[in-house]
Amino acid sequence: MNEFIGWLGSALFALCALPQAYQTFKTKSSKDLNFLFLLMWFFGEIFSFWYILYDDISKEIYHYPLYFNYLFNLILLFYLLYAKYTYKD
């Protein structure tokens, strides 16, 4: 049950950025994306993922739902940062 809750929470967190990424892709507009917000979110994901991964490796305990969450969010964030830089409004 605990594993299911972990996967459910991670999936919901990972999918949070999907509507924004879809809207940005559809409209080719990034004017409402705040660059500082995206940058802080990006580095928050990187540092948190590093912490979880380092701690898991040292303890030989692996939290796959968290890895999914961080990696999926990083993919979407790469796109949103790319869109912010590329789509000139």
C-alpha atoms as a PDB file:
ATOM      1  CA  MET A   1       0.000   0.000   0.000  1.00  0.00           C
ATOM      2  CA  ASN A   2       2.821   2.391   0.864  1.00  0.00           C
ATOM      3  CA  GLU A   3       4.459   1.752  -2.516  1.00  0.00           C
ATOM      4  CA  PHE A   4       1.168   2.525  -4.288  1.00  0.00           C
ATOM      5  CA  ILE A   5       0.801   5.806  -2.380  1.00  0.00           C
ATOM      6  CA  GLY A   6       4.381   6.718  -3.284  1.00  0.00           C
ATOM      7  CA  TRP A   7       3.759   6.063  -6.966  1.00  0.00           C
ATOM      8  CA  LEU A   8       0.453   7.933  -6.900  1.00  0.00           C
ATOM      9  CA  GLY A   9       1.969  11.006  -5.245  1.00  0.00           C
ATOM     10  CA  SER A  10       4.985  10.999  -7.536  1.00  0.00           C
ATOM     11  CA  ALA A  11       2.809  10.639 -10.620  1.00  0.00           C
ATOM     12  CA  LEU A  12       0.641  13.572  -9.551  1.00  0.00           C
ATOM     13  CA  PHE A  13       3.677  15.753  -8.838  1.00  0.00           C
ATOM     14  CA  ALA A  14       5.298  14.749 -12.110  1.00  0.00           C
ATOM     15  CA  LEU A  15       2.155  15.523 -14.081  1.00  0.00           C
ATOM     16  CA  CYS A  16       1.634  18.964 -12.510  1.00  0.00           C
ATOM     17  CA  ALA A  17       3.784  20.631 -15.155  1.00  0.00           C
ATOM     18  CA  LEU A  18       2.153  18.808 -18.055  1.00  0.00           C
ATOM     19  CA  PRO A  19      -0.781  21.237 -18.557  1.00  0.00           C
ATOM     20  CA  GLN A  20       1.617  24.202 -18.640  1.00  0.00           C
ATOM     21  CA  ALA A  21       3.975  22.484 -21.062  1.00  0.00           C
ATOM     22  CA  TYR A  22       1.045  21.521 -23.296  1.00  0.00           C
ATOM     23  CA  GLN A  23      -0.393  25.050 -23.251  1.00  0.00           C
ATOM     24  CA  THR A  24       2.991  26.546 -24.064  1.00  0.00           C
ATOM     25  CA  PHE A  25       3.531  24.066 -26.894  1.00  0.00           C
ATOM     26  CA  LYS A  26       0.041  24.635 -28.313  1.00  0.00           C
ATOM     27  CA  THR A  27       0.153  28.438 -28.238  1.00  0.00           C
ATOM     28  CA  LYS A  28       3.909  28.828 -28.846  1.00  0.00           C
ATOM     29  CA  SER A  29       3.729  31.561 -26.224  1.00  0.00           C
ATOM     30  CA  SER A  30       5.842  31.817 -23.093  1.00  0.00           C
ATOM     31  CA  LYS A  31       4.968  35.338 -21.995  1.00  0.00           C
ATOM     32  CA  ASP A  32       3.255  34.128 -18.812  1.00  0.00           C
ATOM     33  CA  LEU A  33       6.164  31.930 -17.752  1.00  0.00           C
ATOM     34  CA  ASN A  34       8.275  33.618 -15.116  1.00  0.00           C
ATOM     35  CA  PHE A  35      11.934  32.885 -15.813  1.00  0.00           C
ATOM     36  CA  LEU A  36      13.003  33.157 -12.161  1.00  0.00           C
ATOM     37  CA  PHE A  37      10.260  30.710 -11.148  1.00  0.00           C
ATOM     38  CA  LEU A  38      11.402  28.220 -13.802  1.00  0.00           C
ATOM     39  CA  LEU A  39      15.035  28.597 -12.778  1.00  0.00           C
ATOM     40  CA  MET A  40      14.302  28.122  -9.070  1.00  0.00           C
ATOM     41  CA  TRP A  41      12.071  25.129  -9.826  1.00  0.00           C
ATOM     42  CA  PHE A  42      14.771  23.635 -12.075  1.00  0.00           C
ATOM     43  CA  PHE A  43      17.529  23.908  -9.485  1.00  0.00           C
ATOM     44  CA  GLY A  44      15.187  22.733  -6.723  1.00  0.00           C
ATOM     45  CA  GLU A  45      14.512  19.588  -8.742  1.00  0.00           C
ATOM     46  CA  ILE A  46      18.214  19.050  -9.468  1.00  0.00           C
ATOM     47  CA  PHE A  47      19.345  19.487  -5.856  1.00  0.00           C
ATOM     48  CA  SER A  48      16.501  17.414  -4.401  1.00  0.00           C
ATOM     49  CA  PHE A  49      17.084  14.635  -6.930  1.00  0.00           C
ATOM     50  CA  TRP A  50      20.807  14.645  -6.159  1.00  0.00           C
ATOM     51  CA  TYR A  51      20.082  14.417  -2.419  1.00  0.00           C
ATOM     52  CA  ILE A  52      17.611  11.547  -2.790  1.00  0.00           C
ATOM     53  CA  LEU A  53      19.835   9.644  -5.207  1.00  0.00           C
ATOM     54  CA  TYR A  54      23.017  10.079  -3.132  1.00  0.00           C
ATOM     55  CA  ASP A  55      21.235   9.070   0.069  1.00  0.00           C
ATOM     56  CA  ASP A  56      19.582   6.060  -1.587  1.00  0.00           C
ATOM     57  CA  ILE A  57      22.856   4.826  -3.076  1.00  0.00           C
ATOM     58  CA  SER A  58      24.653   5.127   0.251  1.00  0.00           C
ATOM     59  CA  LYS A  59      21.889   3.234   2.073  1.00  0.00           C
ATOM     60  CA  GLU A  60      21.190   0.842  -0.818  1.00  0.00           C
ATOM     61  CA  ILE A  61      17.491   1.713  -0.655  1.00  0.00           C
ATOM     62  CA  TYR A  62      15.906   2.890  -3.881  1.00  0.00           C
ATOM     63  CA  HIS A  63      12.832   5.111  -4.214  1.00  0.00           C
ATOM     64  CA  TYR A  64      11.813   4.605  -7.832  1.00  0.00           C
ATOM     65  CA  PRO A  65       8.638   6.715  -7.596  1.00  0.00           C
ATOM     66  CA  LEU A  66      10.753   9.721  -6.607  1.00  0.00           C
ATOM     67  CA  TYR A  67      13.173   9.135  -9.473  1.00  0.00           C
ATOM     68  CA  PHE A  68      10.246   9.080 -11.894  1.00  0.00           C
ATOM     69  CA  ASN A  69       8.914  12.328 -10.434  1.00  0.00           C
ATOM     70  CA  TYR A  70      12.205  14.191 -10.639  1.00  0.00           C
ATOM     71  CA  LEU A  71      13.185  12.943 -14.087  1.00  0.00           C
ATOM     72  CA  PHE A  72       9.785  13.637 -15.630  1.00  0.00           C
ATOM     73  CA  ASN A  73       9.695  17.122 -14.095  1.00  0.00           C
ATOM     74  CA  LEU A  74      13.202  17.833 -15.363  1.00  0.00           C
ATOM     75  CA  ILE A  75      12.176  16.853 -18.894  1.00  0.00           C
ATOM     76  CA  LEU A  76       9.188  19.193 -18.764  1.00  0.00           C
ATOM     77  CA  LEU A  77      11.286  21.947 -17.219  1.00  0.00           C
ATOM     78  CA  PHE A  78      13.898  21.629 -19.960  1.00  0.00           C
ATOM     79  CA  TYR A  79      11.110  22.170 -22.466  1.00  0.00           C
ATOM     80  CA  LEU A  80       9.634  25.148 -20.585  1.00  0.00           C
ATOM     81  CA  LEU A  81      13.052  26.793 -20.255  1.00  0.00           C
ATOM     82  CA  TYR A  82      13.681  26.136 -23.950  1.00  0.00           C
ATOM     83  CA  ALA A  83      10.267  27.647 -24.768  1.00  0.00           C
ATOM     84  CA  LYS A  84      10.945  30.697 -22.618  1.00  0.00           C
ATOM     85  CA  TYR A  85      14.197  31.275 -24.456  1.00  0.00           C
ATOM     86  CA  THR A  86      12.893  30.413 -27.931  1.00  0.00           C
ATOM     87  CA  TYR A  87       9.339  31.767 -28.158  1.00  0.00           C
ATOM     88  CA  LYS A  88       9.617  35.523 -28.400  1.00  0.00           C
ATOM     89  CA  ASP A  89       6.355  37.292 -27.634  1.00  0.00           C
END
